[in-house]
Protein backbone atom coordinates (compact mmCIF):
# COMPACT_ATOMS: atom_id res chain seq x y z
CA MET A 1 54.70 -87.58 2.87
CA VAL A 2 56.49 -86.83 -0.80
CA LYS A 3 52.98 -86.82 -2.23
CA GLN A 4 51.51 -84.10 0.37
CA ALA A 5 54.52 -82.22 0.18
CA LEU A 6 54.31 -82.43 -3.85
CA ALA A 7 50.40 -81.23 -3.86
CA ARG A 8 51.14 -78.20 -1.13
CA VAL A 9 53.59 -76.85 -3.60
CA ARG A 10 51.32 -77.64 -6.73
CA PHE A 11 48.56 -75.73 -4.46
CA ALA A 12 50.90 -72.70 -3.55
CA GLY A 13 52.07 -72.11 -7.26
CA SER A 14 48.41 -72.38 -8.68
CA LEU A 15 47.47 -69.78 -6.02
CA ALA A 16 50.37 -67.93 -6.83
CA ALA A 17 49.19 -67.76 -10.33
CA ILE A 18 46.21 -66.55 -9.68
CA ARG A 19 47.14 -63.76 -8.06
CA MET A 20 49.47 -62.63 -10.38
CA ASN A 21 47.10 -63.00 -13.00
CA ASN A 22 44.57 -60.94 -10.94
CA PRO A 23 45.54 -57.10 -10.84
CA VAL A 24 42.93 -56.82 -7.98
CA LYS A 25 44.75 -56.83 -4.75
CA GLU A 26 43.46 -59.62 -2.06
CA SER A 27 43.60 -59.60 1.78
CA SER A 28 42.18 -62.04 4.07
CA SER A 29 39.97 -59.36 5.73
CA PRO A 30 36.91 -58.61 4.23
CA ALA A 31 37.04 -54.71 5.29
CA CYS A 32 40.27 -54.61 3.91
CA SER A 33 39.25 -56.01 0.22
CA GLN A 34 36.77 -53.58 0.24
CA ALA A 35 39.38 -50.74 0.40
CA THR A 36 40.98 -52.04 -2.54
CA SER A 37 38.63 -53.99 -4.63
CA PRO A 38 35.03 -52.34 -4.60
CA ARG A 39 31.38 -54.60 -4.06
CA ALA A 40 29.57 -54.50 -7.25
CA TRP A 41 26.97 -52.24 -5.53
CA GLN A 42 29.60 -49.47 -4.78
CA ALA A 43 30.93 -49.40 -8.50
CA ILE A 44 26.87 -49.39 -9.63
CA VAL A 45 25.74 -47.01 -7.54
CA LEU A 46 28.19 -44.57 -7.23
CA SER A 47 28.78 -44.84 -10.92
CA ALA A 48 25.00 -43.96 -11.18
CA LEU A 49 25.36 -40.84 -9.10
CA ALA A 50 28.17 -39.57 -11.25
CA GLY A 51 26.24 -40.38 -14.21
CA GLY A 52 22.88 -38.96 -13.06
CA LEU A 53 24.78 -35.94 -11.60
CA GLY A 54 26.89 -35.26 -14.81
CA TRP A 55 24.21 -35.69 -17.16
CA GLY A 56 21.31 -34.17 -15.24
CA ILE A 57 23.43 -30.94 -15.12
CA ARG A 58 24.22 -31.16 -19.00
CA GLY A 59 20.83 -30.64 -19.96
CA GLN A 60 21.70 -27.17 -19.12
CA TYR A 61 24.86 -26.59 -21.13
CA GLY A 62 23.87 -29.13 -23.98
CA HIS A 63 26.46 -31.21 -26.49
CA GLU A 64 29.41 -32.05 -26.56
CA THR A 65 31.15 -29.59 -23.60
CA GLY A 66 28.05 -30.55 -21.28
CA ALA A 67 28.46 -34.30 -21.99
CA MET A 68 32.14 -33.90 -20.78
CA MET A 69 31.11 -33.35 -17.41
CA ALA A 70 29.43 -36.73 -17.21
CA GLY A 71 32.59 -38.47 -18.57
CA ALA A 72 34.78 -36.77 -16.06
CA LEU A 73 32.57 -37.44 -13.20
CA VAL A 74 32.23 -41.04 -14.01
CA GLY A 75 35.67 -41.48 -14.98
CA LEU A 76 37.03 -40.11 -11.42
CA THR A 77 34.54 -42.12 -9.77
CA LEU A 78 35.71 -45.23 -11.04
CA VAL A 79 39.35 -44.56 -11.11
CA PHE A 80 38.94 -43.62 -7.12
CA LEU A 81 37.05 -46.91 -6.65
CA PHE A 82 39.42 -49.45 -8.94
CA CYS A 83 42.99 -48.02 -9.13
CA PRO A 84 43.85 -46.19 -5.84
CA GLY A 85 47.57 -47.10 -6.02
CA ALA A 86 47.73 -46.28 -9.30
CA PRO A 87 50.08 -43.72 -10.32
CA GLY A 88 48.59 -40.68 -10.47
CA LEU A 89 49.52 -39.55 -14.41
CA SER A 90 48.29 -42.84 -15.14
CA ALA A 91 45.21 -42.27 -13.60
CA ALA A 92 44.35 -38.82 -14.79
CA ARG A 93 44.99 -39.92 -18.39
CA ALA A 94 42.19 -42.52 -18.14
CA VAL A 95 39.78 -40.03 -16.91
CA ALA A 96 40.67 -37.43 -19.31
CA TRP A 97 40.03 -40.06 -22.29
CA CYS A 98 36.79 -40.94 -20.94
CA THR A 99 35.80 -37.00 -20.46
CA ILE A 100 36.98 -36.53 -24.28
CA GLY A 101 35.28 -39.67 -25.40
CA ILE A 102 31.94 -39.17 -24.12
CA GLY A 103 31.83 -35.69 -25.86
CA PHE A 104 32.27 -36.84 -29.26
CA GLY A 105 28.36 -37.98 -29.58
CA GLY A 106 27.40 -34.50 -28.39
CA SER A 107 27.30 -33.01 -32.41
CA MET A 108 24.55 -36.09 -32.84
CA THR A 109 20.98 -34.24 -33.11
CA TYR A 110 18.28 -35.68 -30.86
CA ALA A 111 15.61 -33.74 -29.80
CA GLN A 112 13.22 -34.46 -33.01
CA THR A 113 14.16 -37.96 -32.30
CA ILE A 114 12.40 -37.43 -28.69
CA GLY A 115 9.88 -35.67 -30.75
CA LEU A 116 8.64 -38.88 -32.30
CA THR A 117 7.39 -40.49 -28.44
CA HIS A 118 6.05 -37.06 -26.84
CA ASP A 119 5.23 -34.43 -29.15
CA ALA A 120 1.41 -33.51 -29.03
CA ALA A 121 1.12 -34.19 -32.69
CA MET A 122 2.46 -37.76 -31.95
CA ILE A 123 0.43 -39.46 -28.94
CA GLY A 124 -1.37 -42.00 -30.35
CA ASN A 125 0.74 -42.97 -32.90
CA ALA A 126 2.89 -46.06 -31.71
CA ALA A 127 4.84 -46.67 -34.54
CA ALA A 128 6.45 -43.37 -34.58
CA LEU A 129 6.70 -44.22 -30.56
CA ARG A 130 8.59 -47.32 -31.63
CA TRP A 131 10.54 -45.51 -34.13
CA GLY A 132 11.78 -42.84 -31.92
CA MET A 133 12.80 -44.93 -29.17
CA LEU A 134 14.71 -47.14 -31.68
CA GLY A 135 16.85 -44.02 -32.73
CA LEU A 136 17.56 -43.19 -29.04
CA ALA A 137 18.50 -46.48 -28.58
CA LEU A 138 20.59 -46.24 -31.26
CA LYS A 139 22.12 -42.59 -30.46
CA GLY A 140 22.81 -43.07 -26.81
CA GLY A 141 24.42 -46.32 -27.71
CA ILE A 142 26.89 -44.52 -29.86
CA TRP A 143 27.39 -41.95 -27.31
CA ILE A 144 28.52 -43.64 -24.41
CA GLY A 145 30.18 -46.31 -26.72
CA PHE A 146 33.05 -43.47 -26.97
CA ALA A 147 33.58 -42.96 -23.57
CA GLY A 148 33.80 -46.68 -22.53
CA VAL A 149 36.49 -47.74 -25.20
CA PHE A 150 38.45 -45.04 -24.30
CA LEU A 151 38.17 -45.64 -20.61
CA GLY A 152 39.23 -48.91 -21.11
CA MET A 153 42.25 -47.85 -23.37
CA GLY A 154 43.28 -45.98 -20.18
CA LEU A 155 42.97 -48.28 -17.70
CA SER A 156 44.01 -51.58 -19.48
CA GLY A 157 47.75 -51.06 -19.57
CA VAL A 158 48.19 -51.30 -23.17
CA ARG A 159 50.56 -48.53 -24.36
CA TYR A 160 48.92 -46.04 -26.86
CA ARG A 161 51.66 -43.75 -28.56
CA PRO A 162 50.58 -40.00 -29.52
CA ARG A 163 51.85 -40.50 -33.08
CA GLU A 164 49.84 -43.57 -33.20
CA LEU A 165 46.90 -42.00 -31.93
CA LEU A 166 46.95 -39.14 -34.12
CA ALA A 167 46.80 -41.45 -37.04
CA LEU A 168 43.90 -43.21 -35.56
CA MET A 169 41.67 -39.97 -34.64
CA ALA A 170 42.62 -38.92 -38.61
CA VAL A 171 41.21 -42.34 -39.83
CA LEU A 172 38.27 -41.55 -37.50
CA GLY A 173 37.40 -38.17 -38.69
CA ALA A 174 38.01 -39.55 -42.26
CA LEU A 175 35.45 -42.07 -41.50
CA TYR A 176 33.02 -40.00 -39.71
CA PHE A 177 32.58 -38.03 -43.27
CA ALA A 178 32.66 -41.42 -44.97
CA GLY A 179 29.98 -43.24 -42.90
CA GLY A 180 27.77 -39.75 -42.90
CA TRP A 181 27.51 -39.74 -46.95
CA TRP A 182 27.13 -43.38 -46.51
CA LEU A 183 24.18 -43.45 -44.06
CA ASN A 184 22.76 -39.98 -43.57
CA GLN A 185 22.15 -39.05 -47.23
CA PRO A 186 20.50 -37.88 -48.93
CA PHE A 187 19.58 -34.67 -47.35
CA ASP A 188 16.91 -32.36 -49.22
CA PRO A 189 14.25 -31.17 -46.79
CA ALA A 190 13.18 -28.39 -49.55
CA HIS A 191 12.24 -31.48 -51.66
CA ARG A 192 11.28 -33.56 -48.79
CA ILE A 193 14.09 -35.74 -49.65
CA LEU A 194 15.68 -37.69 -46.42
CA PRO A 195 17.63 -40.40 -45.74
CA ARG A 196 16.47 -44.09 -46.05
CA ILE A 197 17.40 -44.54 -42.22
CA TYR A 198 15.97 -41.11 -40.51
CA PHE A 199 14.75 -40.59 -36.79
CA SER A 200 14.47 -36.76 -36.78
CA ALA A 201 11.04 -34.91 -38.17
CA ASP A 202 9.75 -36.79 -41.08
CA TRP A 203 7.08 -36.26 -43.26
CA ARG A 204 6.19 -40.14 -43.02
CA TRP A 205 4.78 -39.11 -39.70
CA ARG A 206 2.82 -36.14 -40.57
CA PRO A 207 2.44 -35.91 -44.53
CA ASP A 208 0.72 -32.12 -44.25
CA ALA A 209 2.60 -30.78 -41.28
CA VAL A 210 5.44 -27.80 -41.86
CA LEU A 211 8.70 -29.75 -41.02
CA LYS A 212 12.26 -28.63 -40.49
CA PRO A 213 14.19 -31.73 -40.26
CA ARG A 214 17.35 -31.81 -38.62
CA ARG A 215 20.97 -33.32 -40.70
CA GLU A 216 21.98 -36.33 -38.56
CA ASP A 217 25.60 -37.52 -38.39
CA TRP A 218 24.88 -41.10 -36.28
CA GLY A 219 25.87 -42.90 -39.70
CA GLY A 220 29.45 -41.16 -39.26
CA LEU A 221 29.46 -41.73 -35.50
CA LEU A 222 28.88 -45.26 -35.63
CA LEU A 223 31.41 -46.30 -38.33
CA ALA A 224 34.05 -44.36 -36.51
CA LEU A 225 33.15 -46.37 -33.55
CA MET A 226 33.38 -49.75 -34.73
CA VAL A 227 36.40 -49.08 -36.25
CA LEU A 228 38.18 -47.59 -33.14
CA ILE A 229 36.90 -50.87 -31.18
CA GLY A 230 37.98 -53.06 -33.49
CA TYR A 231 41.34 -50.95 -33.63
CA ALA A 232 41.71 -51.21 -29.78
CA GLY A 233 40.12 -54.50 -29.06
CA GLY A 234 41.39 -56.55 -32.04
CA TRP A 235 44.41 -54.97 -33.47
CA ARG A 236 46.21 -53.92 -30.11
CA ARG A 237 44.19 -56.74 -28.09
CA ASP A 238 42.92 -54.53 -25.66
CA ARG A 239 40.36 -56.62 -23.73
CA LEU A 240 39.09 -53.84 -21.38
CA ALA A 241 39.08 -51.79 -24.21
CA ARG A 242 36.64 -54.08 -26.36
CA HIS A 243 34.55 -55.54 -22.98
CA LEU A 244 34.04 -51.90 -21.68
CA ALA A 245 32.92 -50.36 -24.69
CA GLY A 246 30.48 -53.21 -25.40
CA TRP A 247 28.91 -52.36 -21.84
CA ALA A 248 29.36 -48.75 -22.51
CA VAL A 249 27.07 -49.50 -25.61
CA LEU A 250 24.51 -51.36 -23.89
CA GLY A 251 24.06 -48.47 -21.04
CA GLY A 252 23.43 -45.68 -23.69
CA MET A 253 21.04 -48.37 -25.58
CA VAL A 254 19.13 -48.86 -22.58
CA GLY A 255 19.72 -45.74 -20.23
CA PHE A 256 18.14 -43.08 -23.37
CA PRO A 257 15.23 -44.74 -23.94
CA LEU A 258 14.51 -45.88 -20.31
CA GLY A 259 14.58 -42.01 -19.51
CA GLN A 260 12.45 -41.24 -22.03
CA CYS A 261 9.91 -43.56 -20.93
CA LEU A 262 9.34 -41.17 -18.28
CA GLN A 263 8.65 -38.11 -20.46
CA ALA A 264 6.87 -39.99 -23.09
CA TYR A 265 4.56 -42.01 -20.40
CA HIS A 266 3.64 -38.70 -19.00
CA ALA A 267 2.72 -37.12 -22.36
CA TRP A 268 0.54 -39.84 -23.26
CA HIS A 269 -1.29 -40.20 -20.22
CA GLN A 270 -1.64 -36.33 -18.79
CA ASP A 271 -4.94 -37.16 -17.34
CA ALA A 272 -3.44 -39.40 -14.93
CA PHE A 273 -1.77 -36.88 -13.59
CA ARG A 274 -4.22 -34.38 -13.18
CA GLN A 275 -5.70 -36.34 -10.45
CA GLY A 276 -5.15 -37.24 -6.87
CA TRP A 277 -1.54 -36.28 -5.32
CA TRP A 278 -0.20 -36.30 -8.85
CA ALA A 279 -1.89 -33.39 -9.28
CA GLY A 280 0.37 -30.75 -7.07
CA LEU A 281 3.21 -32.42 -7.93
CA ASP A 282 3.10 -32.55 -11.93
CA PRO A 283 3.56 -29.02 -12.50
CA LEU A 284 7.29 -29.24 -10.39
CA ILE A 285 8.60 -31.69 -12.25
CA ASN A 286 10.77 -31.01 -14.95
CA TRP A 287 10.20 -34.28 -17.11
CA TRP A 288 13.02 -33.75 -19.74
CA ASN A 289 15.57 -32.50 -17.00
CA MET A 290 14.16 -35.97 -15.17
CA MET A 291 14.73 -37.90 -18.31
CA GLU A 292 18.24 -36.82 -18.35
CA THR A 293 18.93 -37.48 -15.41
CA THR A 294 17.52 -41.14 -15.56
CA PHE A 295 20.11 -41.68 -18.83
CA GLY A 296 22.78 -40.51 -17.36
CA ALA A 297 22.19 -42.66 -13.83
CA VAL A 298 21.67 -45.69 -16.17
CA MET A 299 24.66 -45.51 -18.52
CA GLY A 300 26.79 -44.59 -15.44
CA GLY A 301 26.02 -47.68 -13.16
CA THR A 302 26.31 -50.17 -16.38
CA ILE A 303 29.77 -48.76 -17.18
CA GLY A 304 30.62 -49.33 -13.35
CA LEU A 305 28.84 -52.79 -13.17
CA GLY A 306 30.91 -53.38 -16.63
CA LEU A 307 34.36 -52.41 -14.97
CA TRP A 308 33.65 -54.36 -11.74
CA LEU A 309 33.13 -57.64 -13.92
CA ASN A 310 36.28 -56.87 -15.98
CA ARG A 311 37.92 -55.84 -13.05
CA ARG A 312 40.81 -58.80 -13.77
CA HIS A 313 41.81 -56.96 -16.84
CA ILE A 314 42.65 -53.71 -15.43
CA ALA A 315 46.37 -52.88 -15.53
CA ILE A 316 46.77 -49.28 -15.67
CA ALA A 317 50.11 -48.50 -16.40
CA LYS A 318 52.87 -47.99 -13.72
CA ASP A 319 55.36 -46.12 -15.21
CA PRO A 320 53.71 -43.53 -17.52
CA ASN A 321 56.02 -41.94 -20.20
CA VAL A 322 55.77 -38.22 -21.03
CA SER A 323 57.16 -37.92 -24.76
CA LEU A 324 55.75 -33.95 -24.98
CA SER A 325 57.80 -31.16 -24.06
CA ALA A 326 56.02 -28.72 -21.76
CA PRO A 327 56.12 -25.90 -24.73
CA TRP A 328 54.49 -28.19 -26.81
CA GLU A 329 52.00 -28.99 -24.24
CA TRP A 330 50.97 -25.61 -23.27
CA GLY A 331 51.18 -24.61 -26.94
CA LEU A 332 48.62 -27.32 -27.75
CA VAL A 333 46.38 -26.09 -24.82
CA GLY A 334 46.35 -22.43 -26.27
CA VAL A 335 45.36 -23.70 -29.70
CA HIS A 336 42.53 -26.07 -28.09
CA MET A 337 40.99 -23.05 -25.98
CA VAL A 338 41.25 -20.59 -29.01
CA LEU A 339 39.07 -23.60 -30.82
CA LEU A 340 36.71 -24.01 -27.72
CA THR A 341 35.85 -20.40 -27.68
CA MET A 342 35.06 -20.78 -31.41
CA SER A 343 33.27 -23.76 -31.05
CA GLU A 344 31.41 -22.34 -28.18
CA PHE A 345 31.02 -18.60 -27.90
CA VAL A 346 32.87 -16.69 -31.09
CA PRO A 347 31.36 -18.88 -34.10
CA VAL A 348 33.85 -17.91 -37.03
CA ARG A 349 32.82 -18.84 -40.75
CA TYR A 350 34.27 -22.09 -41.97
CA VAL A 351 36.19 -22.59 -38.92
CA SER A 352 32.70 -23.50 -36.96
CA LYS A 353 32.01 -26.51 -39.29
CA ILE A 354 35.23 -28.06 -38.21
CA VAL A 355 35.06 -27.19 -34.43
CA ASP A 356 31.17 -28.38 -34.18
CA VAL A 357 32.28 -32.29 -35.20
CA GLY A 358 33.56 -33.51 -31.82
CA LEU A 359 35.79 -36.06 -33.40
CA LEU A 360 37.89 -33.22 -35.26
CA MET A 361 37.95 -31.46 -31.62
CA GLY A 362 39.29 -34.23 -30.14
CA VAL A 363 42.27 -34.70 -31.98
CA ILE A 364 44.44 -32.62 -29.76
CA PRO A 365 43.67 -33.50 -26.46
CA VAL A 366 43.70 -36.95 -27.19
CA VAL A 367 46.90 -37.24 -28.50
CA ALA A 368 48.24 -34.52 -26.15
CA VAL A 369 46.81 -36.69 -22.73
CA ALA A 370 48.69 -39.74 -24.55
CA GLY A 371 52.14 -37.79 -24.24
CA GLY A 372 51.67 -34.84 -22.09
CA ARG A 373 51.99 -34.45 -17.88
CA TRP A 374 50.09 -31.27 -17.85
CA TRP A 375 47.19 -31.75 -20.18
CA PRO A 376 46.05 -35.26 -18.53
CA TYR A 377 45.16 -32.96 -15.46
CA LEU A 378 44.23 -29.97 -17.17
CA LEU A 379 41.81 -31.85 -19.57
CA PRO A 380 39.03 -33.03 -16.79
CA LEU A 381 39.39 -30.08 -14.84
CA PRO A 382 39.32 -26.38 -16.20
CA ILE A 383 39.35 -27.31 -19.65
CA THR A 384 36.11 -28.96 -19.31
CA LEU A 385 35.01 -26.47 -16.94
CA PHE A 386 35.57 -23.42 -19.22
CA PRO A 387 32.44 -23.71 -21.21
CA ILE A 388 30.11 -24.25 -18.54
CA ALA A 389 31.26 -21.44 -16.46
CA GLY A 390 31.26 -19.31 -19.83
CA LYS A 391 27.23 -20.65 -20.35
CA THR A 392 26.70 -19.64 -17.08
CA ILE A 393 27.83 -16.17 -17.15
CA ARG A 394 26.24 -15.81 -20.63
CA GLN A 395 23.16 -16.81 -19.24
CA LEU A 396 22.93 -15.10 -16.17
CA CYS A 397 24.55 -11.74 -16.78
CA TYR A 398 23.72 -10.98 -20.24
CA GLU A 399 20.24 -13.12 -21.36
CA GLU A 400 18.90 -12.82 -18.02
CA GLN A 401 20.68 -9.79 -16.71
CA ALA A 402 20.24 -11.55 -12.86
CA LEU A 403 23.97 -10.59 -11.92
CA ALA A 404 26.18 -7.71 -12.83
CA PRO A 405 28.61 -8.75 -15.55
CA TRP A 406 31.21 -7.90 -13.48
CA ALA A 407 30.18 -10.14 -10.83
CA GLY A 408 29.16 -12.61 -12.44
CA TRP A 409 32.56 -12.92 -14.49
CA VAL A 410 34.21 -13.04 -10.89
CA VAL A 411 31.75 -15.32 -9.14
CA TYR A 412 30.92 -17.41 -12.22
CA GLY A 413 34.01 -17.35 -13.86
CA VAL A 414 37.14 -16.63 -12.51
CA VAL A 415 36.97 -18.22 -9.05
CA PRO A 416 35.44 -21.71 -10.29
CA MET A 417 38.23 -21.59 -13.03
CA ALA A 418 41.06 -20.55 -10.47
CA LEU A 419 40.21 -23.36 -8.08
CA ALA A 420 39.97 -26.23 -11.18
CA GLY A 421 43.62 -24.65 -12.44
CA TRP A 422 45.09 -24.77 -9.25
CA ALA A 423 44.12 -28.26 -8.42
CA ALA A 424 45.41 -29.20 -12.03
CA ILE A 425 48.98 -27.76 -12.20
CA TRP A 426 48.99 -29.10 -8.01
CA PHE A 427 48.28 -32.59 -9.33
CA ALA A 428 50.83 -32.06 -12.22
CA ARG A 429 53.86 -30.65 -10.02
CA GLN A 430 53.39 -33.60 -7.55
CA ALA A 431 56.80 -35.90 -7.71
CA PRO A 432 56.42 -39.04 -9.70
CA GLY A 433 55.37 -41.55 -6.88
CA THR A 434 53.98 -39.33 -4.39
CA LEU A 435 50.56 -38.75 -5.81
CA GLY A 436 48.37 -42.12 -6.30
CA GLY A 437 45.95 -42.31 -8.25
CA GLY A 438 43.09 -42.80 -5.56
CA THR A 439 44.26 -39.25 -4.20
CA PHE A 440 44.16 -37.72 -7.39
CA ALA A 441 40.59 -39.20 -8.36
CA ARG A 442 39.40 -38.31 -4.85
CA ARG A 443 39.79 -34.99 -4.60
CA ALA A 444 39.20 -34.02 -8.16
CA LEU A 445 35.61 -35.87 -7.63
CA ALA A 446 34.68 -33.69 -5.11
CA LEU A 447 36.06 -30.61 -6.59
CA ASN A 448 34.24 -31.40 -9.71
CA ALA A 449 31.33 -32.19 -8.39
CA TRP A 450 30.58 -29.10 -6.35
CA LEU A 451 31.76 -26.77 -8.52
CA TYR A 452 29.33 -28.13 -11.47
CA PHE A 453 26.63 -28.48 -8.79
CA GLY A 454 27.01 -24.93 -7.89
CA LEU A 455 27.24 -23.27 -11.31
CA ASN A 456 23.98 -25.31 -12.09
CA TYR A 457 22.16 -24.42 -8.97
CA ALA A 458 23.08 -20.52 -10.03
CA PHE A 459 21.75 -21.39 -13.49
CA PHE A 460 18.59 -22.81 -11.69
CA HIS A 461 18.40 -19.60 -9.71
CA TYR A 462 18.93 -21.03 -6.65
CA PRO A 463 16.13 -23.46 -5.70
CA TRP A 464 16.57 -23.72 -2.33
CA PRO A 465 14.07 -26.41 -0.95
CA TRP A 466 12.63 -24.65 2.15
CA THR A 467 11.63 -21.71 -0.47
CA THR A 468 8.35 -21.86 -2.68
CA TRP A 469 9.27 -24.95 -4.93
CA THR A 470 9.58 -24.44 -8.72
CA ALA A 471 10.16 -27.18 -11.73
CA ARG A 472 13.85 -27.02 -10.88
CA THR A 473 13.45 -28.19 -7.19
CA PRO A 474 13.39 -31.54 -7.77
CA ASN A 475 16.42 -32.10 -9.76
CA ALA A 476 17.83 -29.75 -7.78
CA VAL A 477 17.29 -32.03 -4.80
CA ILE A 478 18.30 -35.14 -6.74
CA TYR A 479 21.60 -33.28 -7.81
CA THR A 480 22.49 -32.37 -4.35
CA LEU A 481 21.87 -35.88 -3.12
CA CYS A 482 24.17 -36.95 -5.60
CA ALA A 483 27.08 -34.92 -5.01
CA LEU A 484 26.32 -35.43 -0.84
CA GLY A 485 26.25 -39.17 -1.97
CA LEU A 486 29.75 -39.19 -3.95
CA THR A 487 31.57 -36.80 -1.27
CA GLY A 488 30.38 -38.77 1.13
CA ALA A 489 31.50 -42.02 -0.35
CA ALA A 490 34.89 -40.45 -1.39
CA ILE A 491 35.46 -39.77 2.61
CA TRP A 492 34.24 -43.36 3.71
CA ILE A 493 36.23 -45.31 1.40
CA HIS A 494 39.44 -43.31 1.65
CA ARG A 495 39.16 -43.82 5.47
CA ARG A 496 38.32 -47.54 5.53
CA ALA A 497 41.45 -47.74 3.38
CA ARG A 498 43.59 -45.72 5.56
CA THR A 499 42.30 -48.10 8.35
CA CYS A 500 43.33 -51.22 6.61
CA SER A 501 46.72 -50.19 5.79
CA THR A 502 47.62 -49.47 9.29
């Protein structure tokens, strides 16, 4: 009897230790366990929908600020799934850091790298195809890697102080220039002198062609990413940041070339698309946009799988501290918005050379999110939306003149920004403990998904599926399904969670 009692005590102690070391809530009910710990397929599929929607829409808006849409959508999806009971401020910081991180890679040039795999002059050149795909894998891994490590830093529970992050970002900025000097030099197109490792238009593939090679900066970003992972995962012993960085790099390395495989196959085998049922469908497909949507879906799904496999390391802060005063926060908001305007709409000599570098533009947001109360909500909502709304107005009201400027400013600018701004302020004003991370992420996800979808739908000139189809219609249908899927999942999973709690 004594031995049996001791055995029961040991078993109970072991079970308690397991539960203490596992941050994911457990329940004896399968339905309830779904509400607190998503299944693998949910994390993969919903993150893929978020990534495909955000990255596909990014193709119309481009570069750093366009990529931030995908970061916000993927971050909100994962926080909603894995951190429903986390404090709203901690959850918002994780989303904001993911949004910022994925924007850094937008400064890399990649159009000519893609050209190596499908331009007419490259068709049949297998060596150029392989080299181009290698370049896309490298650039894709760097691009998404930053999102993974910053999302992991936000979800791990390791405290990163504003001053610490300010010093870290300064080091990363210096490494960006050092890595560019080391790996992306020399660059003298006038004398046909290019870096030894170069993935853009190069005379070694077309010796007699008139080319305009572009300066690459993947070397600086690669060095900065490696040091960031080493700092967070090694020095700060942030296991989630290290592991999620690896999965994010994998998602980018696989997603970018895989998406381009579709476009390259179409370019290399055009005759096959002029026969049978493809003959009528091919003119309606924007293969470039399909590439981007596929890239986003793969990278999003991979990050979702990576977080699911490492969910035991999630330990999001229960008592998020606020170290920046409101005047400092709003002052930094004003400075950043001025710099963002210069970067996207009003180029200023000398200043543009600084704000065009994603790592440097990320200094204020990264630090302010770490110590602020307002920034974590403002960044993934109105601040990320601002350049998207502005580019929509510029395209439709001034370049195409499809709508009167005053109407475009109201419909595509004032209304979306007011909604996003009001939502961010409402979230931030909630008393501590009254707004859970799941509630914030669920509502912000639905709002962002439909705001981005709506602006992009206008950019596409409203390709309703019941009207004559154009090259925009198939992607518009895909984005509709993604937005509906994310919204439906948010409502359904929320209802299951409420059912389990009663």
